[in-house]
Amino acid sequence: MKIYYLCIIKSIKMQITSNTGLVLEGGGMRGVFTSGVLDAFMKHEVYFPYVVAVSAGACNGLSYMSRQPRRARWSNIDMLQKYDYISLKSLIVNGSIFDPEILYERFPNEIVPFDYDTYERNPCVFEVVTTNCKTGRAMYLSEKYDRQRLTQIVKASSSLPFVAQITTVDGIPMLDGGIVDSIPIVRAIDTGHQENVVILTRNRGYRSSEIDFKTPKFIYKKYPRLRVALSRRTEEYNKQLDLIERMEDWGEILVIRPERPLEVGRICEDVEKLERLYEEGFQLGEKFIGKYL
């Protein structure tokens, strides 16, 4: 009976309270969809008291937390061709297919400056998911005032396995949070947020067709638990998608996601495709606001 009641309420209007959370999936360059949704939210001054984000979702979430509309779009689309920060050259030279100097040094400090002051004054809680390489488990980290640590946390959350270097935070080696918790809805609920809006970067019904395989011992040889987590990555992600759709059907969460199968992959340099995905996110963000807020 309680679940039915939630369905009725959420089909009409919802209120953002201290118990409402926002969950941001990652997905590499698919995250331009999320940046579009968040720009729509900022246009209408829709802000949540708690945000938990993974990988590209964390990068986009930063601009939402600093109240900088279109900043994530500029970084992900407008600056892509100019700075060519996705390349095999970067992988060979820097150990990461995404150029870390441009993304985590020049972008926030020079090219599209991040408003640290507004971020620090923002009372909202912003949690970023990383994977602890030693334990193979998720970590949920926050930082308001130490700018270097904040950058390292977001960099760690976005450090894709196999194509990025391990990032150290607080002396702990970390990689992409999406390895173990791609859609941290359980974390949002565990922190006391019973009503949540989830932004995904795949259409409903999508399930990963990638085949899990046992990671060879010579890869990440110091971190056996990380290898175990990597060997279960697709299975766990598909389970999370199952959970999200069940919760959505029962009215326990609201979900914003692309309506069509994506043209954009995790690593994409096609600006026209990225632009279309951003615009879809913005339009669906506005549609969500008109329907539920």
Protein backbone atom coordinates (compact mmCIF):
# COMPACT_ATOMS: atom_id res chain seq x y z
CA MET A 1 0.00 0.00 0.00
CA LYS A 2 2.86 2.41 0.84
CA ILE A 3 4.56 1.83 -2.51
CA TYR A 4 1.30 2.48 -4.36
CA TYR A 5 0.95 5.74 -2.46
CA LEU A 6 4.43 6.81 -3.58
CA CYS A 7 3.54 6.00 -7.18
CA ILE A 8 0.49 8.28 -7.05
CA ILE A 9 2.38 11.14 -5.41
CA LYS A 10 5.35 10.99 -7.77
CA SER A 11 3.17 10.82 -10.84
CA ILE A 12 1.86 14.29 -9.91
CA LYS A 13 4.53 16.45 -8.20
CA MET A 14 7.50 15.94 -5.92
CA GLN A 15 9.16 18.21 -3.40
CA ILE A 16 12.91 18.40 -2.93
CA THR A 17 13.55 18.09 0.80
CA SER A 18 16.48 17.15 3.01
CA ASN A 19 15.58 13.51 2.30
CA THR A 20 15.89 13.88 -1.48
CA GLY A 21 19.02 12.75 -3.30
CA LEU A 22 20.42 13.01 -6.81
CA VAL A 23 22.35 10.05 -8.23
CA LEU A 24 24.65 10.54 -11.25
CA GLU A 25 25.88 7.58 -13.27
CA GLY A 26 29.21 7.74 -15.12
CA GLY A 27 29.85 6.54 -18.65
CA GLY A 28 32.78 8.49 -20.05
CA MET A 29 31.71 10.77 -22.90
CA ARG A 30 28.11 9.58 -22.51
CA GLY A 31 28.16 11.93 -19.55
CA VAL A 32 27.34 14.84 -21.88
CA PHE A 33 23.74 13.67 -21.47
CA THR A 34 24.04 14.27 -17.73
CA SER A 35 25.57 17.70 -18.28
CA GLY A 36 22.55 18.62 -20.40
CA VAL A 37 20.12 17.54 -17.67
CA LEU A 38 22.08 19.42 -15.01
CA ASP A 39 22.16 22.57 -17.13
CA ALA A 40 18.37 22.41 -17.34
CA PHE A 41 18.24 22.01 -13.56
CA MET A 42 20.48 25.06 -13.08
CA LYS A 43 18.44 27.11 -15.54
CA HIS A 44 15.39 26.56 -13.31
CA GLU A 45 17.38 26.68 -10.04
CA VAL A 46 16.62 23.08 -9.17
CA TYR A 47 19.17 21.96 -6.59
CA PHE A 48 19.36 18.87 -4.41
CA PRO A 49 20.76 18.76 -0.86
CA TYR A 50 22.68 15.54 -1.57
CA VAL A 51 24.44 14.39 -4.73
CA VAL A 52 26.35 11.13 -5.16
CA ALA A 53 28.22 10.73 -8.43
CA VAL A 54 30.51 8.36 -10.29
CA SER A 55 33.27 8.99 -12.81
CA ALA A 56 31.99 11.31 -15.57
CA GLY A 57 28.97 11.95 -13.37
CA ALA A 58 31.34 13.35 -10.75
CA CYS A 59 33.03 15.63 -13.29
CA ASN A 60 29.65 16.97 -14.42
CA GLY A 61 28.41 17.13 -10.85
CA LEU A 62 31.23 19.51 -9.93
CA SER A 63 29.93 22.19 -12.29
CA TYR A 64 26.43 21.65 -10.87
CA MET A 65 27.77 22.08 -7.34
CA SER A 66 29.65 25.26 -8.30
CA ARG A 67 26.55 26.64 -10.06
CA GLN A 68 28.28 27.03 -13.44
CA PRO A 69 25.80 26.34 -16.27
CA ARG A 70 27.30 25.06 -19.53
CA ARG A 71 30.77 24.72 -18.03
CA ALA A 72 30.64 20.92 -18.36
CA ARG A 73 29.36 21.30 -21.92
CA TRP A 74 32.25 23.57 -22.83
CA SER A 75 34.71 21.09 -21.35
CA ASN A 76 33.19 18.00 -22.97
CA ILE A 77 32.22 19.35 -26.39
CA ASP A 78 33.48 22.82 -27.28
CA MET A 79 37.02 22.21 -26.06
CA LEU A 80 37.33 18.63 -27.32
CA GLN A 81 38.55 19.38 -30.83
CA LYS A 82 40.66 22.35 -29.78
CA TYR A 83 42.63 20.52 -27.11
CA ASP A 84 42.38 16.93 -28.39
CA TYR A 85 42.51 15.53 -24.87
CA ILE A 86 41.44 12.01 -25.89
CA SER A 87 44.21 10.20 -27.73
CA LEU A 88 46.44 7.16 -27.95
CA LYS A 89 49.36 9.57 -27.69
CA SER A 90 48.18 10.58 -24.23
CA LEU A 91 47.82 6.92 -23.28
CA ILE A 92 51.42 6.25 -24.30
CA VAL A 93 52.91 9.44 -22.84
CA ASN A 94 50.76 9.93 -19.73
CA GLY A 95 49.41 6.44 -19.09
CA SER A 96 45.88 7.72 -19.60
CA ILE A 97 43.77 7.99 -22.75
CA PHE A 98 42.29 11.21 -21.31
CA ASP A 99 45.07 13.80 -20.95
CA PRO A 100 45.24 14.37 -17.17
CA GLU A 101 47.16 17.65 -17.38
CA ILE A 102 44.52 19.30 -19.56
CA LEU A 103 41.52 17.85 -17.71
CA TYR A 104 42.64 18.21 -14.11
CA GLU A 105 45.11 21.09 -14.22
CA ARG A 106 44.54 23.44 -17.14
CA PHE A 107 40.75 23.12 -17.43
CA PRO A 108 39.84 23.92 -13.81
CA ASN A 109 42.56 26.54 -13.34
CA GLU A 110 42.92 28.25 -16.73
CA ILE A 111 40.71 27.24 -19.65
CA VAL A 112 37.24 26.93 -18.03
CA PRO A 113 37.99 27.98 -14.44
CA PHE A 114 36.14 26.13 -11.70
CA ASP A 115 34.44 28.36 -9.13
CA TYR A 116 35.96 26.87 -5.99
CA ASP A 117 34.57 29.65 -3.80
CA THR A 118 30.95 28.95 -4.77
CA TYR A 119 31.56 25.22 -4.42
CA GLU A 120 32.93 25.70 -0.90
CA ARG A 121 29.96 27.85 0.13
CA ASN A 122 27.44 25.38 -1.23
CA PRO A 123 25.83 23.63 1.78
CA CYS A 124 24.87 20.58 -0.29
CA VAL A 125 26.71 17.29 0.27
CA PHE A 126 28.65 16.01 -2.74
CA GLU A 127 29.92 12.43 -2.57
CA VAL A 128 32.16 10.85 -5.20
CA VAL A 129 32.48 7.09 -5.70
CA THR A 130 35.91 5.54 -6.19
CA THR A 131 37.19 1.96 -6.14
CA ASN A 132 39.79 1.08 -3.51
CA CYS A 133 42.34 -1.02 -5.38
CA LYS A 134 43.46 -2.82 -2.22
CA THR A 135 40.02 -3.94 -1.08
CA GLY A 136 38.17 -4.01 -4.41
CA ARG A 137 35.34 -2.13 -2.71
CA ALA A 138 33.67 1.22 -3.24
CA MET A 139 34.67 4.29 -1.28
CA TYR A 140 32.47 7.37 -0.96
CA LEU A 141 34.52 10.52 -0.53
CA SER A 142 33.71 14.17 0.03
CA GLU A 143 35.87 17.27 0.08
CA LYS A 144 34.88 20.92 0.44
CA TYR A 145 38.00 22.93 1.18
CA ASP A 146 41.15 21.11 0.11
CA ARG A 147 41.20 21.90 -3.61
CA GLN A 148 43.99 19.52 -4.50
CA ARG A 149 42.33 16.62 -2.67
CA LEU A 150 39.00 17.39 -4.41
CA THR A 151 40.73 17.22 -7.78
CA GLN A 152 42.41 13.92 -6.87
CA ILE A 153 39.11 12.39 -5.73
CA VAL A 154 37.34 13.25 -8.98
CA LYS A 155 40.36 12.14 -11.00
CA ALA A 156 40.38 8.80 -9.15
CA SER A 157 36.66 8.29 -9.76
CA SER A 158 37.26 8.88 -13.48
CA SER A 159 40.41 6.74 -13.83
CA LEU A 160 39.14 4.02 -16.15
CA PRO A 161 40.79 0.62 -15.66
CA PHE A 162 43.35 -0.42 -18.28
CA VAL A 163 43.43 3.01 -19.98
CA ALA A 164 44.26 5.28 -17.02
CA GLN A 165 46.80 5.29 -14.25
CA ILE A 166 45.86 4.48 -10.67
CA THR A 167 45.28 7.66 -8.66
CA THR A 168 46.29 7.91 -5.02
CA VAL A 169 44.05 9.67 -2.51
CA ASP A 170 44.90 9.78 1.20
CA GLY A 171 47.64 7.25 0.49
CA ILE A 172 45.15 4.77 -0.99
CA PRO A 173 45.40 3.60 -4.64
CA MET A 174 42.08 4.13 -6.41
CA LEU A 175 40.40 3.69 -9.79
CA ASP A 176 37.04 4.41 -11.43
CA GLY A 177 34.13 4.10 -9.02
CA GLY A 178 32.07 2.51 -11.78
CA ILE A 179 34.03 -0.73 -11.39
CA VAL A 180 32.02 -1.62 -8.30
CA ASP A 181 29.19 0.91 -7.97
CA SER A 182 28.14 2.41 -11.29
CA ILE A 183 24.76 3.65 -10.04
CA PRO A 184 25.04 4.38 -6.29
CA ILE A 185 21.33 4.38 -5.45
CA VAL A 186 21.88 2.11 -2.44
CA ARG A 187 24.42 4.58 -1.07
CA ALA A 188 21.92 7.41 -1.42
CA ILE A 189 19.31 5.43 0.52
CA ASP A 190 21.81 4.31 3.16
CA THR A 191 22.70 7.95 3.85
CA GLY A 192 19.07 8.71 4.67
CA HIS A 193 17.75 9.89 1.30
CA GLN A 194 14.57 7.93 0.75
CA GLU A 195 13.46 9.79 -2.36
CA ASN A 196 15.92 9.94 -5.23
CA VAL A 197 16.24 11.17 -8.77
CA VAL A 198 18.64 9.07 -10.85
CA ILE A 199 20.29 10.29 -14.05
CA LEU A 200 21.45 7.42 -16.26
CA THR A 201 23.43 7.51 -19.49
CA ARG A 202 21.77 4.52 -21.17
CA ASN A 203 18.24 4.00 -22.46
CA ARG A 204 15.76 1.85 -20.54
CA GLY A 205 16.16 -1.84 -21.27
CA TYR A 206 19.87 -1.56 -22.00
CA ARG A 207 22.07 -4.31 -20.56
CA SER A 208 25.78 -4.59 -21.16
CA SER A 209 26.73 -7.40 -23.50
CA GLU A 210 30.39 -7.27 -22.53
CA ILE A 211 31.70 -10.61 -21.31
CA ASP A 212 33.26 -10.74 -17.87
CA PHE A 213 36.63 -12.45 -17.83
CA LYS A 214 39.15 -13.29 -15.17
CA THR A 215 41.74 -10.54 -15.11
CA PRO A 216 45.22 -12.02 -15.67
CA LYS A 217 47.54 -11.92 -12.66
CA PHE A 218 50.14 -9.82 -14.44
CA ILE A 219 47.58 -6.97 -14.67
CA TYR A 220 47.23 -5.08 -11.40
CA LYS A 221 49.35 -7.82 -9.85
CA LYS A 222 49.57 -5.97 -6.53
CA TYR A 223 45.79 -5.82 -6.22
CA PRO A 224 44.13 -9.25 -6.34
CA ARG A 225 40.83 -7.94 -4.92
CA LEU A 226 40.69 -5.35 -7.67
CA ARG A 227 41.11 -8.11 -10.25
CA VAL A 228 38.16 -9.95 -8.69
CA ALA A 229 36.03 -6.80 -8.89
CA LEU A 230 36.99 -6.29 -12.53
CA SER A 231 36.05 -9.89 -13.33
CA ARG A 232 32.49 -9.23 -12.09
CA ARG A 233 32.03 -5.75 -13.49
CA THR A 234 29.45 -6.44 -16.21
CA GLU A 235 27.42 -8.79 -14.03
CA GLU A 236 27.22 -6.26 -11.21
CA TYR A 237 26.35 -3.39 -13.55
CA ASN A 238 23.49 -5.33 -15.12
CA LYS A 239 22.20 -6.21 -11.64
CA GLN A 240 22.16 -2.51 -10.80
CA LEU A 241 20.19 -1.77 -13.96
CA ASP A 242 17.69 -4.47 -12.95
CA LEU A 243 17.36 -2.86 -9.53
CA ILE A 244 16.88 0.63 -10.96
CA GLU A 245 14.09 -0.50 -13.28
CA ARG A 246 12.31 -2.39 -10.48
CA MET A 247 12.48 0.65 -8.19
CA GLU A 248 11.29 2.90 -10.98
CA ASP A 249 8.34 0.63 -11.76
CA TRP A 250 7.33 0.61 -8.09
CA GLY A 251 7.53 4.40 -7.87
CA GLU A 252 10.42 4.42 -5.44
CA ILE A 253 12.68 6.55 -7.64
CA LEU A 254 12.44 8.87 -10.62
CA VAL A 255 14.80 8.26 -13.53
CA ILE A 256 16.00 10.53 -16.32
CA ARG A 257 17.71 8.64 -19.13
CA PRO A 258 18.22 8.85 -22.92
CA GLU A 259 15.13 7.74 -24.79
CA ARG A 260 16.97 6.03 -27.64
CA PRO A 261 19.98 3.72 -27.89
CA LEU A 262 23.10 5.84 -27.86
CA GLU A 263 25.39 6.75 -30.74
CA VAL A 264 28.00 7.83 -28.21
CA GLY A 265 30.34 5.35 -26.53
CA ARG A 266 32.48 5.72 -23.43
CA ILE A 267 35.24 7.21 -25.57
CA CYS A 268 33.91 9.40 -28.41
CA GLU A 269 35.35 12.33 -30.34
CA ASP A 270 32.40 12.95 -32.69
CA VAL A 271 31.32 16.46 -31.69
CA GLU A 272 28.01 16.31 -33.61
CA LYS A 273 26.95 13.14 -31.79
CA LEU A 274 27.98 14.63 -28.46
CA GLU A 275 26.02 17.80 -29.21
CA ARG A 276 22.87 15.80 -30.00
CA LEU A 277 23.20 13.83 -26.78
CA TYR A 278 23.71 17.00 -24.74
CA GLU A 279 20.60 18.57 -26.29
CA GLU A 280 18.56 15.46 -25.54
CA GLY A 281 19.66 15.66 -21.92
CA PHE A 282 18.74 19.34 -21.69
CA GLN A 283 15.30 18.78 -23.23
CA LEU A 284 14.55 15.81 -20.98
CA GLY A 285 15.72 17.81 -17.97
CA GLU A 286 13.24 20.56 -18.82
CA LYS A 287 10.51 17.99 -19.44
CA PHE A 288 11.20 16.41 -16.04
CA ILE A 289 10.96 19.79 -14.31
CA GLY A 290 7.67 20.61 -16.02
CA LYS A 291 6.19 17.25 -15.06
CA TYR A 292 7.43 16.70 -11.51
CA LEU A 293 8.52 20.02 -9.99
